[in-house]
Amino acid sequence: MVKSPQRARLPKPGEGKRGEKGYIGYLLRQAAGAYRHRVELALADLDVTPPQFSVLTMLAAYPGHSNADLARLALLTPQTVSVIVANLERAGSIVRRRHAVHGRIQHLDLTESGKALLATCRARVHEIEHELIDALASDEEQAIRRWLVRVATTEVA
């Protein structure tokens, strides 16, 4: 009988390279994955996914934009946003209207039910975000926010 080799236990988040001595890029991805999972759980009973929440949020913040604009704002592909928009439209959360000058371009707006859905989602997601920053001093939170913005806005040479 051949024995299968013993595999080493995988480190949990916070251990080994998944801890404070890990690569920054990996730690960012790990944190983003953990955050996304928490948001998925918080929105699951509303049948809203994190990408749908992102599209609803960006549409509320920047109304009247096209699918392509929303894709850039929500950090999603245009194909993904097309599917999300179709699903949100079918659910009655958004409406499309033709651009006044460019007939092929369609602008998107939240419906009243879409605004109500977004408000419910936002309350749940804000609760998660408050838990994330609750233990931080104000200056620590600001430093993290500045750093994250700097990471996102630094041009690649």
N, C-alpha and C. Protein backbone atom coordinates (compact mmCIF):
# COMPACT_ATOMS: atom_id res chain seq x y z
N MET A 1 0.84 -1.17 0.00
CA MET A 1 0.00 0.00 0.00
C MET A 1 0.89 1.24 0.00
N VAL A 2 0.57 2.20 -0.90
CA VAL A 2 1.36 3.43 -1.00
C VAL A 2 0.69 4.51 -0.15
N LYS A 3 1.51 5.09 0.70
CA LYS A 3 1.00 6.17 1.55
C LYS A 3 1.09 7.48 0.79
N SER A 4 0.06 8.31 0.95
CA SER A 4 0.14 9.63 0.33
C SER A 4 1.01 10.52 1.22
N PRO A 5 1.78 11.41 0.58
CA PRO A 5 2.67 12.26 1.36
C PRO A 5 1.87 13.21 2.25
N GLN A 6 2.43 13.49 3.42
CA GLN A 6 1.82 14.45 4.34
C GLN A 6 1.98 15.85 3.77
N ARG A 7 0.90 16.57 3.75
CA ARG A 7 0.97 17.95 3.30
C ARG A 7 1.01 18.87 4.51
N ALA A 8 1.81 19.90 4.36
CA ALA A 8 1.90 20.88 5.44
C ALA A 8 0.58 21.64 5.53
N ARG A 9 0.25 22.03 6.74
CA ARG A 9 -0.96 22.81 6.97
C ARG A 9 -0.80 24.18 6.32
N LEU A 10 -1.83 24.62 5.61
CA LEU A 10 -1.80 25.94 5.00
C LEU A 10 -1.93 27.00 6.08
N PRO A 11 -1.19 28.09 5.96
CA PRO A 11 -1.32 29.15 6.97
C PRO A 11 -2.67 29.84 6.86
N LYS A 12 -3.20 30.23 8.00
CA LYS A 12 -4.45 30.98 8.06
C LYS A 12 -4.13 32.46 7.81
N PRO A 13 -5.15 33.26 7.46
CA PRO A 13 -4.90 34.70 7.35
C PRO A 13 -4.24 35.21 8.64
N GLY A 14 -3.20 36.00 8.47
CA GLY A 14 -2.47 36.52 9.62
C GLY A 14 -1.24 35.70 9.98
N GLU A 15 -1.09 34.53 9.37
CA GLU A 15 0.05 33.66 9.65
C GLU A 15 1.03 33.64 8.47
N GLY A 16 2.30 33.47 8.76
CA GLY A 16 3.32 33.32 7.73
C GLY A 16 3.29 34.47 6.74
N LYS A 17 3.38 34.13 5.45
CA LYS A 17 3.33 35.16 4.40
C LYS A 17 1.95 35.80 4.29
N ARG A 18 0.97 35.25 5.00
CA ARG A 18 -0.37 35.83 5.03
C ARG A 18 -0.51 36.80 6.20
N GLY A 19 0.60 37.05 6.89
CA GLY A 19 0.62 37.95 8.04
C GLY A 19 1.38 39.22 7.74
N GLU A 20 1.78 39.93 8.79
CA GLU A 20 2.39 41.25 8.66
C GLU A 20 3.70 41.27 7.88
N LYS A 21 4.34 40.13 7.76
CA LYS A 21 5.60 40.08 7.00
C LYS A 21 5.38 39.64 5.55
N GLY A 22 4.12 39.51 5.16
CA GLY A 22 3.78 39.10 3.80
C GLY A 22 3.97 40.23 2.80
N TYR A 23 3.87 39.88 1.54
CA TYR A 23 3.98 40.87 0.47
C TYR A 23 2.77 41.80 0.50
N ILE A 24 3.01 43.09 0.32
CA ILE A 24 1.94 44.08 0.38
C ILE A 24 0.84 43.77 -0.63
N GLY A 25 1.21 43.45 -1.85
CA GLY A 25 0.21 43.15 -2.87
C GLY A 25 -0.69 41.99 -2.47
N TYR A 26 -0.08 40.95 -1.91
CA TYR A 26 -0.87 39.81 -1.45
C TYR A 26 -1.78 40.22 -0.30
N LEU A 27 -1.25 41.00 0.63
CA LEU A 27 -2.05 41.41 1.78
C LEU A 27 -3.24 42.28 1.35
N LEU A 28 -3.03 43.14 0.34
CA LEU A 28 -4.13 43.94 -0.19
C LEU A 28 -5.21 43.03 -0.79
N ARG A 29 -4.77 42.05 -1.56
CA ARG A 29 -5.71 41.12 -2.19
C ARG A 29 -6.44 40.28 -1.15
N GLN A 30 -5.71 39.83 -0.13
CA GLN A 30 -6.31 39.05 0.95
C GLN A 30 -7.35 39.87 1.69
N ALA A 31 -7.02 41.12 2.00
CA ALA A 31 -7.96 42.00 2.69
C ALA A 31 -9.18 42.28 1.82
N ALA A 32 -8.96 42.53 0.53
CA ALA A 32 -10.08 42.78 -0.38
C ALA A 32 -10.99 41.56 -0.47
N GLY A 33 -10.40 40.37 -0.51
CA GLY A 33 -11.19 39.15 -0.55
C GLY A 33 -12.03 38.96 0.71
N ALA A 34 -11.43 39.23 1.86
CA ALA A 34 -12.16 39.11 3.13
C ALA A 34 -13.29 40.13 3.20
N TYR A 35 -13.02 41.36 2.76
CA TYR A 35 -14.04 42.40 2.74
C TYR A 35 -15.18 42.01 1.80
N ARG A 36 -14.83 41.55 0.61
CA ARG A 36 -15.86 41.16 -0.36
C ARG A 36 -16.74 40.05 0.20
N HIS A 37 -16.13 39.07 0.85
CA HIS A 37 -16.90 37.97 1.42
C HIS A 37 -17.89 38.48 2.47
N ARG A 38 -17.45 39.40 3.31
CA ARG A 38 -18.34 39.97 4.33
C ARG A 38 -19.49 40.72 3.67
N VAL A 39 -19.20 41.47 2.61
CA VAL A 39 -20.25 42.20 1.90
C VAL A 39 -21.21 41.22 1.23
N GLU A 40 -20.68 40.16 0.61
CA GLU A 40 -21.54 39.14 -0.01
C GLU A 40 -22.54 38.59 1.01
N LEU A 41 -22.04 38.24 2.20
CA LEU A 41 -22.92 37.69 3.23
C LEU A 41 -23.97 38.71 3.68
N ALA A 42 -23.56 39.96 3.81
CA ALA A 42 -24.47 41.01 4.28
C ALA A 42 -25.58 41.31 3.28
N LEU A 43 -25.31 41.13 1.99
CA LEU A 43 -26.28 41.48 0.95
C LEU A 43 -27.02 40.28 0.37
N ALA A 44 -26.63 39.08 0.77
CA ALA A 44 -27.16 37.86 0.15
C ALA A 44 -28.68 37.78 0.19
N ASP A 45 -29.30 38.10 1.31
CA ASP A 45 -30.76 37.97 1.40
C ASP A 45 -31.50 39.03 0.57
N LEU A 46 -30.76 40.05 0.12
CA LEU A 46 -31.35 41.07 -0.75
C LEU A 46 -31.17 40.71 -2.23
N ASP A 47 -30.49 39.61 -2.50
CA ASP A 47 -30.15 39.18 -3.87
C ASP A 47 -29.35 40.24 -4.60
N VAL A 48 -28.42 40.88 -3.88
CA VAL A 48 -27.53 41.88 -4.46
C VAL A 48 -26.10 41.40 -4.27
N THR A 49 -25.33 41.41 -5.34
CA THR A 49 -23.92 41.02 -5.27
C THR A 49 -23.06 42.27 -5.03
N PRO A 50 -21.82 42.10 -4.56
CA PRO A 50 -20.95 43.26 -4.40
C PRO A 50 -20.78 44.06 -5.70
N PRO A 51 -20.60 43.42 -6.88
CA PRO A 51 -20.52 44.22 -8.10
C PRO A 51 -21.82 45.00 -8.39
N GLN A 52 -22.97 44.40 -8.11
CA GLN A 52 -24.24 45.11 -8.29
C GLN A 52 -24.31 46.30 -7.34
N PHE A 53 -23.90 46.09 -6.11
CA PHE A 53 -23.86 47.19 -5.13
C PHE A 53 -22.95 48.31 -5.62
N SER A 54 -21.81 47.94 -6.18
CA SER A 54 -20.88 48.93 -6.70
C SER A 54 -21.51 49.74 -7.83
N VAL A 55 -22.19 49.07 -8.74
CA VAL A 55 -22.85 49.76 -9.85
C VAL A 55 -23.95 50.68 -9.34
N LEU A 56 -24.77 50.20 -8.41
CA LEU A 56 -25.82 51.04 -7.83
C LEU A 56 -25.22 52.27 -7.14
N THR A 57 -24.13 52.05 -6.40
CA THR A 57 -23.47 53.15 -5.69
C THR A 57 -22.93 54.19 -6.66
N MET A 58 -22.25 53.74 -7.70
CA MET A 58 -21.67 54.68 -8.67
C MET A 58 -22.75 55.39 -9.47
N LEU A 59 -23.83 54.70 -9.76
CA LEU A 59 -24.93 55.32 -10.49
C LEU A 59 -25.60 56.40 -9.64
N ALA A 60 -25.71 56.15 -8.34
CA ALA A 60 -26.28 57.16 -7.44
C ALA A 60 -25.34 58.36 -7.31
N ALA A 61 -24.05 58.10 -7.25
CA ALA A 61 -23.07 59.18 -7.08
C ALA A 61 -22.87 59.97 -8.36
N TYR A 62 -22.96 59.30 -9.50
CA TYR A 62 -22.71 59.92 -10.81
C TYR A 62 -23.85 59.56 -11.76
N PRO A 63 -25.04 60.12 -11.56
CA PRO A 63 -26.21 59.71 -12.34
C PRO A 63 -26.09 60.08 -13.83
N GLY A 64 -26.82 59.30 -14.63
CA GLY A 64 -26.93 59.60 -16.04
C GLY A 64 -25.79 59.12 -16.90
N HIS A 65 -24.93 58.29 -16.36
CA HIS A 65 -23.79 57.82 -17.15
C HIS A 65 -24.12 56.53 -17.90
N SER A 66 -23.29 56.23 -18.87
CA SER A 66 -23.47 55.04 -19.71
C SER A 66 -22.87 53.81 -19.02
N ASN A 67 -23.12 52.65 -19.62
CA ASN A 67 -22.53 51.39 -19.13
C ASN A 67 -21.00 51.48 -19.09
N ALA A 68 -20.42 52.03 -20.15
CA ALA A 68 -18.96 52.12 -20.22
C ALA A 68 -18.41 52.98 -19.10
N ASP A 69 -19.08 54.10 -18.83
CA ASP A 69 -18.65 54.97 -17.72
C ASP A 69 -18.76 54.23 -16.39
N LEU A 70 -19.87 53.54 -16.19
CA LEU A 70 -20.07 52.79 -14.94
C LEU A 70 -19.00 51.71 -14.77
N ALA A 71 -18.64 51.06 -15.86
CA ALA A 71 -17.61 50.02 -15.78
C ALA A 71 -16.31 50.61 -15.26
N ARG A 72 -15.92 51.77 -15.77
CA ARG A 72 -14.69 52.42 -15.31
C ARG A 72 -14.81 52.82 -13.84
N LEU A 73 -15.95 53.40 -13.46
CA LEU A 73 -16.14 53.85 -12.08
C LEU A 73 -16.19 52.69 -11.09
N ALA A 74 -16.84 51.60 -11.47
CA ALA A 74 -17.04 50.46 -10.57
C ALA A 74 -15.90 49.45 -10.64
N LEU A 75 -14.89 49.73 -11.48
CA LEU A 75 -13.74 48.83 -11.63
C LEU A 75 -14.16 47.43 -12.10
N LEU A 76 -15.07 47.43 -13.06
CA LEU A 76 -15.58 46.20 -13.63
C LEU A 76 -15.41 46.24 -15.15
N THR A 77 -15.55 45.10 -15.80
CA THR A 77 -15.47 45.09 -17.26
C THR A 77 -16.80 45.58 -17.85
N PRO A 78 -16.75 46.14 -19.04
CA PRO A 78 -18.01 46.54 -19.68
C PRO A 78 -18.99 45.37 -19.84
N GLN A 79 -18.48 44.17 -20.11
CA GLN A 79 -19.34 43.00 -20.26
C GLN A 79 -20.06 42.68 -18.95
N THR A 80 -19.33 42.75 -17.84
CA THR A 80 -19.93 42.48 -16.53
C THR A 80 -20.99 43.52 -16.22
N VAL A 81 -20.70 44.78 -16.49
CA VAL A 81 -21.67 45.85 -16.22
C VAL A 81 -22.91 45.68 -17.09
N SER A 82 -22.75 45.24 -18.33
CA SER A 82 -23.92 45.00 -19.20
C SER A 82 -24.86 43.98 -18.58
N VAL A 83 -24.29 42.90 -18.05
CA VAL A 83 -25.11 41.86 -17.40
C VAL A 83 -25.75 42.43 -16.14
N ILE A 84 -24.98 43.15 -15.34
CA ILE A 84 -25.51 43.73 -14.10
C ILE A 84 -26.64 44.70 -14.40
N VAL A 85 -26.44 45.57 -15.39
CA VAL A 85 -27.46 46.55 -15.76
C VAL A 85 -28.73 45.85 -16.22
N ALA A 86 -28.59 44.82 -17.04
CA ALA A 86 -29.77 44.08 -17.51
C ALA A 86 -30.52 43.47 -16.33
N ASN A 87 -29.79 42.89 -15.39
CA ASN A 87 -30.44 42.28 -14.22
C ASN A 87 -31.09 43.34 -13.33
N LEU A 88 -30.41 44.47 -13.11
CA LEU A 88 -30.99 45.53 -12.27
C LEU A 88 -32.19 46.18 -12.95
N GLU A 89 -32.14 46.28 -14.27
CA GLU A 89 -33.28 46.83 -15.01
C GLU A 89 -34.47 45.88 -14.91
N ARG A 90 -34.21 44.59 -15.09
CA ARG A 90 -35.26 43.58 -14.99
C ARG A 90 -35.90 43.59 -13.59
N ALA A 91 -35.09 43.86 -12.58
CA ALA A 91 -35.58 43.90 -11.20
C ALA A 91 -36.29 45.22 -10.88
N GLY A 92 -36.22 46.18 -11.81
CA GLY A 92 -36.89 47.46 -11.59
C GLY A 92 -36.08 48.46 -10.76
N SER A 93 -34.78 48.21 -10.62
CA SER A 93 -33.92 49.10 -9.82
C SER A 93 -33.33 50.25 -10.61
N ILE A 94 -33.25 50.08 -11.93
CA ILE A 94 -32.72 51.14 -12.78
C ILE A 94 -33.56 51.25 -14.05
N VAL A 95 -33.46 52.42 -14.68
CA VAL A 95 -34.11 52.63 -15.98
C VAL A 95 -33.07 53.19 -16.94
N ARG A 96 -33.27 52.91 -18.22
CA ARG A 96 -32.40 53.45 -19.28
C ARG A 96 -33.16 54.57 -19.98
N ARG A 97 -32.41 55.57 -20.43
CA ARG A 97 -33.00 56.59 -21.29
C ARG A 97 -31.97 56.96 -22.35
N ARG A 98 -32.45 57.30 -23.51
CA ARG A 98 -31.55 57.65 -24.61
C ARG A 98 -30.91 59.01 -24.37
N HIS A 99 -29.66 59.11 -24.79
CA HIS A 99 -28.93 60.38 -24.74
C HIS A 99 -29.62 61.36 -25.68
N ALA A 100 -29.73 62.61 -25.28
CA ALA A 100 -30.45 63.61 -26.07
C ALA A 100 -29.83 63.83 -27.44
N VAL A 101 -28.51 63.73 -27.56
CA VAL A 101 -27.82 64.00 -28.82
C VAL A 101 -27.38 62.72 -29.51
N HIS A 102 -26.78 61.82 -28.76
CA HIS A 102 -26.23 60.58 -29.31
C HIS A 102 -27.20 59.43 -29.01
N GLY A 103 -28.05 59.12 -29.96
CA GLY A 103 -29.11 58.14 -29.76
C GLY A 103 -28.65 56.75 -29.36
N ARG A 104 -27.44 56.37 -29.75
CA ARG A 104 -26.95 55.03 -29.40
C ARG A 104 -26.53 54.94 -27.94
N ILE A 105 -26.18 56.07 -27.36
CA ILE A 105 -25.74 56.08 -25.96
C ILE A 105 -26.98 56.11 -25.07
N GLN A 106 -26.99 55.24 -24.08
CA GLN A 106 -28.10 55.20 -23.14
C GLN A 106 -27.59 55.59 -21.77
N HIS A 107 -28.32 56.49 -21.11
CA HIS A 107 -27.99 56.88 -19.75
C HIS A 107 -28.81 56.02 -18.80
N LEU A 108 -28.27 55.82 -17.63
CA LEU A 108 -28.93 54.98 -16.63
C LEU A 108 -29.24 55.81 -15.40
N ASP A 109 -30.38 55.54 -14.80
CA ASP A 109 -30.77 56.21 -13.57
C ASP A 109 -31.40 55.20 -12.62
N LEU A 110 -31.28 55.47 -11.32
CA LEU A 110 -31.94 54.64 -10.33
C LEU A 110 -33.43 54.96 -10.29
N THR A 111 -34.24 53.93 -10.12
CA THR A 111 -35.66 54.12 -9.87
C THR A 111 -35.84 54.36 -8.37
N GLU A 112 -37.05 54.66 -7.97
CA GLU A 112 -37.32 54.83 -6.54
C GLU A 112 -37.04 53.54 -5.78
N SER A 113 -37.42 52.41 -6.35
CA SER A 113 -37.14 51.13 -5.67
C SER A 113 -35.64 50.85 -5.67
N GLY A 114 -34.93 51.28 -6.71
CA GLY A 114 -33.48 51.14 -6.74
C GLY A 114 -32.82 51.98 -5.65
N LYS A 115 -33.33 53.19 -5.44
CA LYS A 115 -32.80 54.05 -4.37
C LYS A 115 -33.04 53.43 -3.00
N ALA A 116 -34.22 52.85 -2.81
CA ALA A 116 -34.53 52.19 -1.54
C ALA A 116 -33.64 50.98 -1.31
N LEU A 117 -33.44 50.19 -2.37
CA LEU A 117 -32.56 49.02 -2.27
C LEU A 117 -31.14 49.46 -1.93
N LEU A 118 -30.66 50.48 -2.61
CA LEU A 118 -29.31 50.98 -2.35
C LEU A 118 -29.18 51.46 -0.91
N ALA A 119 -30.19 52.15 -0.39
CA ALA A 119 -30.14 52.64 0.99
C ALA A 119 -30.02 51.47 1.98
N THR A 120 -30.75 50.40 1.73
CA THR A 120 -30.66 49.22 2.60
C THR A 120 -29.28 48.58 2.50
N CYS A 121 -28.79 48.43 1.28
CA CYS A 121 -27.45 47.86 1.07
C CYS A 121 -26.39 48.73 1.74
N ARG A 122 -26.49 50.03 1.52
CA ARG A 122 -25.50 50.96 2.07
C ARG A 122 -25.42 50.87 3.59
N ALA A 123 -26.57 50.78 4.24
CA ALA A 123 -26.58 50.69 5.70
C ALA A 123 -25.82 49.45 6.16
N ARG A 124 -26.00 48.34 5.47
CA ARG A 124 -25.31 47.10 5.85
C ARG A 124 -23.80 47.19 5.57
N VAL A 125 -23.45 47.75 4.43
CA VAL A 125 -22.03 47.85 4.09
C VAL A 125 -21.33 48.88 4.98
N HIS A 126 -22.01 49.98 5.29
CA HIS A 126 -21.41 50.97 6.19
C HIS A 126 -21.15 50.37 7.56
N GLU A 127 -22.02 49.48 8.02
CA GLU A 127 -21.80 48.80 9.29
C GLU A 127 -20.50 47.98 9.25
N ILE A 128 -20.27 47.28 8.16
CA ILE A 128 -19.03 46.51 7.99
C ILE A 128 -17.84 47.46 8.00
N GLU A 129 -17.94 48.56 7.27
CA GLU A 129 -16.83 49.51 7.20
C GLU A 129 -16.55 50.15 8.56
N HIS A 130 -17.59 50.43 9.32
CA HIS A 130 -17.38 50.99 10.66
C HIS A 130 -16.66 49.98 11.55
N GLU A 131 -17.00 48.70 11.42
CA GLU A 131 -16.30 47.66 12.19
C GLU A 131 -14.82 47.62 11.81
N LEU A 132 -14.52 47.82 10.53
CA LEU A 132 -13.13 47.78 10.07
C LEU A 132 -12.30 48.91 10.65
N ILE A 133 -12.88 50.09 10.78
CA ILE A 133 -12.10 51.25 11.23
C ILE A 133 -12.33 51.61 12.69
N ASP A 134 -13.23 50.90 13.35
CA ASP A 134 -13.61 51.23 14.72
C ASP A 134 -12.43 51.30 15.68
N ALA A 135 -11.49 50.39 15.55
CA ALA A 135 -10.36 50.33 16.48
C ALA A 135 -9.23 51.29 16.10
N LEU A 136 -9.39 52.01 14.99
CA LEU A 136 -8.33 52.92 14.55
C LEU A 136 -8.53 54.33 15.12
N ALA A 137 -7.42 54.96 15.44
CA ALA A 137 -7.47 56.38 15.78
C ALA A 137 -7.74 57.16 14.50
N SER A 138 -8.28 58.34 14.62
CA SER A 138 -8.62 59.16 13.46
C SER A 138 -7.43 59.38 12.54
N ASP A 139 -6.25 59.65 13.12
CA ASP A 139 -5.07 59.88 12.28
C ASP A 139 -4.62 58.60 11.59
N GLU A 140 -4.83 57.44 12.21
CA GLU A 140 -4.50 56.16 11.56
C GLU A 140 -5.43 55.92 10.37
N GLU A 141 -6.71 56.17 10.57
CA GLU A 141 -7.66 56.00 9.47
C GLU A 141 -7.29 56.92 8.31
N GLN A 142 -6.98 58.18 8.59
CA GLN A 142 -6.62 59.11 7.52
C GLN A 142 -5.35 58.66 6.80
N ALA A 143 -4.38 58.14 7.56
CA ALA A 143 -3.14 57.66 6.94
C ALA A 143 -3.43 56.49 6.00
N ILE A 144 -4.29 55.58 6.41
CA ILE A 144 -4.65 54.43 5.58
C ILE A 144 -5.38 54.90 4.33
N ARG A 145 -6.32 55.82 4.50
CA ARG A 145 -7.06 56.35 3.35
C ARG A 145 -6.12 57.03 2.35
N ARG A 146 -5.20 57.86 2.86
CA ARG A 146 -4.24 58.54 1.98
C ARG A 146 -3.39 57.52 1.24
N TRP A 147 -2.91 56.51 1.96
CA TRP A 147 -2.06 55.49 1.35
C TRP A 147 -2.82 54.72 0.27
N LEU A 148 -4.05 54.31 0.54
CA LEU A 148 -4.83 53.57 -0.44
C LEU A 148 -5.08 54.41 -1.70
N VAL A 149 -5.36 55.69 -1.50
CA VAL A 149 -5.56 56.58 -2.66
C VAL A 149 -4.26 56.72 -3.42
N ARG A 150 -3.15 56.86 -2.72
CA ARG A 150 -1.84 56.98 -3.38
C ARG A 150 -1.52 55.72 -4.18
N VAL A 151 -1.80 54.56 -3.61
CA VAL A 151 -1.58 53.29 -4.33
C VAL A 151 -2.40 53.29 -5.62
N ALA A 152 -3.64 53.74 -5.54
CA ALA A 152 -4.55 53.69 -6.69
C ALA A 152 -4.22 54.76 -7.74
N THR A 153 -3.58 55.85 -7.33
CA THR A 153 -3.37 56.96 -8.27
C THR A 153 -1.94 57.11 -8.74
N THR A 154 -1.02 56.33 -8.21
CA THR A 154 0.38 56.44 -8.65
C THR A 154 0.51 55.89 -10.05
N GLU A 155 1.05 56.70 -10.93
CA GLU A 155 1.23 56.33 -12.34
C GLU A 155 2.37 55.32 -12.46
N VAL A 156 2.18 54.38 -13.34
CA VAL A 156 3.24 53.41 -13.64
C VAL A 156 4.17 54.04 -14.69
N ALA A 157 5.45 53.94 -14.45
CA ALA A 157 6.41 54.55 -15.38
C ALA A 157 6.53 53.77 -16.66
